Amino acid sequence: MTSSGGEVELSEAEEAFLEEVDREIRKLRACYSRLLKASHIRTMESLEVDNMQISSNVMKIMASSQALLKHIHRLKANLLLHKSKALDEQISRQNEELRLETEQAIADANALLGGA
Protein backbone atom coordinates (compact mmCIF):
# COMPACT_ATOMS: atom_id res chain seq x y z
CA MET A 1 0.00 0.00 0.00
CA THR A 2 0.99 3.60 -0.18
CA SER A 3 0.65 6.26 2.45
CA SER A 4 -1.82 9.11 2.01
CA GLY A 5 0.96 11.18 0.42
CA GLY A 6 1.48 8.55 -2.28
CA GLU A 7 4.84 7.49 -0.88
CA VAL A 8 5.78 3.85 -0.53
CA GLU A 9 5.84 2.55 3.03
CA LEU A 10 9.00 0.55 3.60
CA SER A 11 9.39 -2.50 5.83
CA GLU A 12 11.62 -2.40 8.89
CA ALA A 13 14.33 -4.29 7.00
CA GLU A 14 14.18 -1.82 4.13
CA GLU A 15 14.23 1.12 6.54
CA ALA A 16 17.25 -0.41 8.30
CA PHE A 17 18.98 -0.88 4.96
CA LEU A 18 18.34 2.75 3.99
CA GLU A 19 19.61 3.91 7.39
CA GLU A 20 22.78 1.86 6.86
CA VAL A 21 23.16 3.45 3.41
CA ASP A 22 22.75 6.90 5.00
CA ARG A 23 25.41 6.06 7.61
CA GLU A 24 27.83 4.89 4.93
CA ILE A 25 27.24 8.04 2.89
CA ARG A 26 27.86 10.18 6.00
CA LYS A 27 31.11 8.26 6.61
CA LEU A 28 32.19 8.87 3.03
CA ARG A 29 31.33 12.55 3.31
CA ALA A 30 33.29 12.83 6.56
CA CYS A 31 36.26 11.12 4.91
CA TYR A 32 35.98 13.48 1.96
CA SER A 33 35.85 16.44 4.36
CA ARG A 34 38.94 15.21 6.22
CA LEU A 35 40.77 14.78 2.94
CA LEU A 36 39.86 18.33 1.96
CA LYS A 37 41.01 19.74 5.31
CA ALA A 38 44.26 17.79 5.13
CA SER A 39 44.86 18.97 1.59
CA HIS A 40 44.80 22.63 2.68
CA ILE A 41 47.76 22.03 5.01
CA ARG A 42 50.01 20.36 2.47
CA THR A 43 52.25 21.74 -0.24
CA MET A 44 51.10 22.38 -3.79
CA GLU A 45 52.65 19.13 -5.02
CA SER A 46 50.95 17.23 -2.26
CA LEU A 47 47.69 18.98 -3.10
CA GLU A 48 47.79 17.59 -6.61
CA VAL A 49 48.15 14.06 -5.26
CA ASP A 50 45.36 14.67 -2.76
CA ASN A 51 43.13 16.14 -5.44
CA MET A 52 43.65 13.07 -7.59
CA GLN A 53 42.82 10.88 -4.59
CA ILE A 54 39.77 13.01 -3.83
CA SER A 55 38.66 12.81 -7.45
CA SER A 56 39.11 9.06 -7.35
CA ASN A 57 37.12 8.87 -4.10
CA VAL A 58 34.40 11.09 -5.51
CA MET A 59 34.14 8.83 -8.55
CA LYS A 60 33.90 5.81 -6.24
CA ILE A 61 31.24 7.57 -4.17
CA MET A 62 29.29 8.42 -7.31
CA ALA A 63 29.52 4.83 -8.56
CA SER A 64 28.45 3.52 -5.15
CA SER A 65 25.60 6.02 -5.02
CA GLN A 66 24.39 4.90 -8.45
CA ALA A 67 24.55 1.26 -7.38
CA LEU A 68 22.67 2.09 -4.17
CA LEU A 69 20.03 4.04 -6.09
CA LYS A 70 19.51 1.11 -8.45
CA HIS A 71 19.20 -1.22 -5.47
CA ILE A 72 16.74 1.12 -3.75
CA HIS A 73 14.66 1.36 -6.94
CA ARG A 74 14.61 -2.44 -7.18
CA LEU A 75 13.56 -2.66 -3.53
CA LYS A 76 10.76 -0.16 -4.09
CA ALA A 77 9.62 -1.96 -7.25
CA ASN A 78 9.61 -5.30 -5.41
CA LEU A 79 7.75 -3.73 -2.50
CA LEU A 80 5.13 -2.24 -4.82
CA LEU A 81 4.74 -5.57 -6.62
CA HIS A 82 4.37 -7.42 -3.31
CA LYS A 83 1.83 -4.91 -2.02
CA SER A 84 -0.04 -4.97 -5.34
CA LYS A 85 -0.31 -8.77 -5.16
CA ALA A 86 -1.50 -8.57 -1.56
CA LEU A 87 -4.09 -5.96 -2.54
CA ASP A 88 -5.27 -8.13 -5.46
CA GLU A 89 -5.66 -11.09 -3.08
CA GLN A 90 -7.60 -8.94 -0.61
CA ILE A 91 -9.91 -7.67 -3.38
CA SER A 92 -10.48 -11.24 -4.61
CA ARG A 93 -11.40 -12.36 -1.08
CA GLN A 94 -13.79 -9.42 -0.68
CA ASN A 95 -15.37 -10.12 -4.09
CA GLU A 96 -15.90 -13.76 -3.10
CA GLU A 97 -17.49 -12.69 0.20
CA LEU A 98 -19.79 -10.28 -1.65
CA ARG A 99 -20.70 -12.99 -4.18
CA LEU A 100 -21.62 -15.38 -1.36
CA GLU A 101 -23.62 -12.69 0.46
CA THR A 102 -25.44 -11.82 -2.78
CA GLU A 103 -26.27 -15.47 -3.45
CA GLN A 104 -27.57 -15.80 0.12
CA ALA A 105 -29.66 -12.63 -0.24
CA ILE A 106 -31.14 -13.93 -3.53
CA ALA A 107 -31.89 -17.29 -1.91
CA ASP A 108 -33.54 -15.53 1.06
CA ALA A 109 -35.59 -13.32 -1.28
CA ASN A 110 -36.67 -16.33 -3.35
CA ALA A 111 -37.66 -18.16 -0.17
CA LEU A 112 -39.75 -15.18 0.93
CA LEU A 113 -41.35 -14.87 -2.51
CA GLY A 114 -42.00 -18.60 -2.68
CA GLY A 115 -43.54 -18.60 0.79
CA ALA A 116 -45.83 -15.66 0.05
Foldseek 3Di string as FASTA:
>chain_A
DAPPVRHRDDDPVLVVVVVVVVVVVVVLVVVLVVLVVVLVPDDPVVVVVSVVVSVVSVVVVVVVVVVVVVVNVVRRVVSVVVVVVVVVVVVVVVVVVVVVVVVVVVVVVVVVVVVD
